[in-house]
Amino acid sequence: MAAKDFGPGTKIIWKDRKRWCGLPLSFTRYYVVQKPGKWIKLIEDTGLFTSHIEEVNLFRVDDITIFSSFSNKFWGTGTVTVHCKDASSQVVKLVRVKDPEKVRNLIMDLVEDERKARGLQYGEMQM
């Protein structure tokens, strides 16, 4: 997918694929996409002939965890689990992405920026 696939004026901040032995050999793609002044979303796009696309607005993210098995550490990959307050998807797993710590830090920084831009605090997000 190109930035134009997400609409005019959008830019892709981060993208990766689900990896096998450190190589991006999968039809599962992950993106963090920004439409400046409007939103930042985490997108999971799965499939080759048919597609399943999940989107989560980053200001809805509550917590992020990382899991790296021995083989994941060997290949420099890990699974980043994003917990959020979203009606359709409360957990989004970015499976075997490269540099999971870097991805977690990027997403958490963007979450904080997005909350500040919207004037939200963590306590206001609790339901």
Protein backbone atom coordinates (compact mmCIF):
# COMPACT_ATOMS: atom_id res chain seq x y z
CA MET A 1 0.00 0.00 0.00
CA ALA A 2 1.14 3.49 -0.72
CA ALA A 3 0.26 6.60 1.24
CA LYS A 4 -2.27 7.47 -1.48
CA ASP A 5 -4.19 4.30 -0.55
CA PHE A 6 -4.95 5.86 2.83
CA GLY A 7 -6.34 9.06 1.32
CA PRO A 8 -4.94 12.38 0.16
CA GLY A 9 -2.48 14.12 2.45
CA THR A 10 -1.56 11.02 4.48
CA LYS A 11 1.95 9.88 5.25
CA ILE A 12 3.26 6.54 6.40
CA ILE A 13 5.28 6.94 9.61
CA TRP A 14 6.20 3.26 10.00
CA LYS A 15 5.55 0.05 8.10
CA ASP A 16 6.63 -3.56 8.37
CA ARG A 17 5.49 -7.10 7.64
CA LYS A 18 5.07 -10.20 9.72
CA ARG A 19 8.42 -11.97 9.46
CA TRP A 20 9.60 -15.55 9.23
CA CYS A 21 13.24 -16.15 10.21
CA GLY A 22 13.75 -12.40 10.09
CA LEU A 23 12.54 -12.12 6.50
CA PRO A 24 9.32 -10.31 5.51
CA LEU A 25 7.69 -13.34 3.87
CA SER A 26 4.06 -12.73 4.71
CA PHE A 27 0.88 -11.15 3.48
CA THR A 28 0.31 -9.45 6.85
CA ARG A 29 1.37 -5.81 6.74
CA TYR A 30 1.44 -3.25 9.54
CA TYR A 31 1.38 0.55 9.22
CA VAL A 32 1.32 3.64 11.38
CA VAL A 33 -0.29 6.30 9.20
CA GLN A 34 -0.82 10.00 9.89
CA LYS A 35 -3.18 12.51 8.35
CA PRO A 36 -1.64 15.73 9.72
CA GLY A 37 -4.00 17.71 11.92
CA LYS A 38 -6.65 14.96 11.92
CA TRP A 39 -5.55 11.50 13.12
CA ILE A 40 -2.82 8.90 13.54
CA LYS A 41 -3.83 5.26 13.07
CA LEU A 42 -2.32 1.82 13.55
CA ILE A 43 -3.38 -0.41 10.65
CA GLU A 44 -3.11 -4.19 10.26
CA ASP A 45 -3.73 -5.42 6.70
CA THR A 46 -3.94 -9.20 6.26
CA GLY A 47 -4.46 -11.21 3.10
CA LEU A 48 -3.49 -11.66 -0.52
CA PHE A 49 -6.66 -12.35 -2.49
CA THR A 50 -9.04 -11.14 0.21
CA SER A 51 -8.13 -8.50 2.76
CA HIS A 52 -8.96 -7.94 6.39
CA ILE A 53 -8.00 -4.46 7.59
CA GLU A 54 -8.07 -3.38 11.25
CA GLU A 55 -7.61 0.26 12.21
CA VAL A 56 -7.06 1.75 15.67
CA ASN A 57 -6.79 5.45 16.46
CA LEU A 58 -3.64 5.87 18.52
CA PHE A 59 -5.23 8.07 21.18
CA ARG A 60 -7.24 4.97 22.20
CA VAL A 61 -4.12 2.90 23.05
CA ASP A 62 -3.81 1.98 26.74
CA ASP A 63 -0.77 -0.25 26.98
CA ILE A 64 1.86 -2.01 24.89
CA THR A 65 3.72 -5.23 25.67
CA ILE A 66 6.50 -7.06 23.85
CA PHE A 67 7.12 -10.79 23.62
CA SER A 68 10.36 -12.16 22.17
CA SER A 69 11.14 -15.85 22.25
CA PHE A 70 14.69 -17.12 21.87
CA SER A 71 14.29 -17.50 18.10
CA ASN A 72 12.69 -14.03 17.88
CA LYS A 73 15.70 -12.54 19.67
CA PHE A 74 18.05 -14.41 17.34
CA TRP A 75 16.35 -12.90 14.28
CA GLY A 76 15.88 -9.45 15.87
CA THR A 77 12.10 -9.68 15.87
CA GLY A 78 9.32 -9.76 18.44
CA THR A 79 5.57 -9.51 18.88
CA VAL A 80 4.24 -6.13 19.97
CA THR A 81 0.81 -6.40 21.60
CA VAL A 82 -1.19 -3.16 21.63
CA HIS A 83 -4.07 -3.00 24.15
CA CYS A 84 -6.66 -0.34 23.38
CA LYS A 85 -10.12 0.97 24.15
CA ASP A 86 -11.65 0.26 20.75
CA ALA A 87 -15.05 -1.32 20.18
CA SER A 88 -13.99 -3.62 17.35
CA SER A 89 -10.45 -4.58 18.35
CA GLN A 90 -9.28 -4.38 21.94
CA VAL A 91 -5.97 -6.12 21.18
CA VAL A 92 -3.83 -5.70 18.07
CA LYS A 93 -0.79 -7.95 17.72
CA LEU A 94 2.08 -6.89 15.51
CA VAL A 95 3.55 -10.37 15.08
CA ARG A 96 7.31 -10.84 14.59
CA VAL A 97 8.15 -7.27 13.55
CA LYS A 98 11.71 -6.03 13.28
CA ASP A 99 13.10 -4.04 16.26
CA PRO A 100 10.05 -4.43 18.56
CA GLU A 101 11.45 -2.05 21.22
CA LYS A 102 11.84 0.68 18.63
CA VAL A 103 8.26 0.08 17.44
CA ARG A 104 6.90 0.20 21.00
CA ASN A 105 8.72 3.47 21.71
CA LEU A 106 7.52 5.01 18.44
CA ILE A 107 3.89 4.07 19.10
CA MET A 108 3.96 5.25 22.73
CA ASP A 109 5.50 8.61 21.73
CA LEU A 110 2.83 9.05 19.06
CA VAL A 111 0.09 8.08 21.56
CA GLU A 112 1.26 10.76 23.99
CA ASP A 113 1.51 13.36 21.21
CA GLU A 114 -1.97 12.48 19.95
CA ARG A 115 -3.50 12.72 23.44
CA LYS A 116 -1.85 16.11 24.02
CA ALA A 117 -3.11 17.37 20.65
CA ARG A 118 -6.66 16.30 21.58
CA GLY A 119 -6.41 17.63 25.12
CA LEU A 120 -6.92 14.18 26.68
CA GLN A 121 -5.30 12.79 29.79
CA TYR A 122 -5.00 9.15 30.69
CA GLY A 123 -7.55 9.46 33.53
CA GLU A 124 -10.13 10.79 31.09
CA MET A 125 -9.78 7.68 28.95
CA GLN A 126 -10.89 5.26 31.68
CA MET A 127 -14.37 3.80 31.21
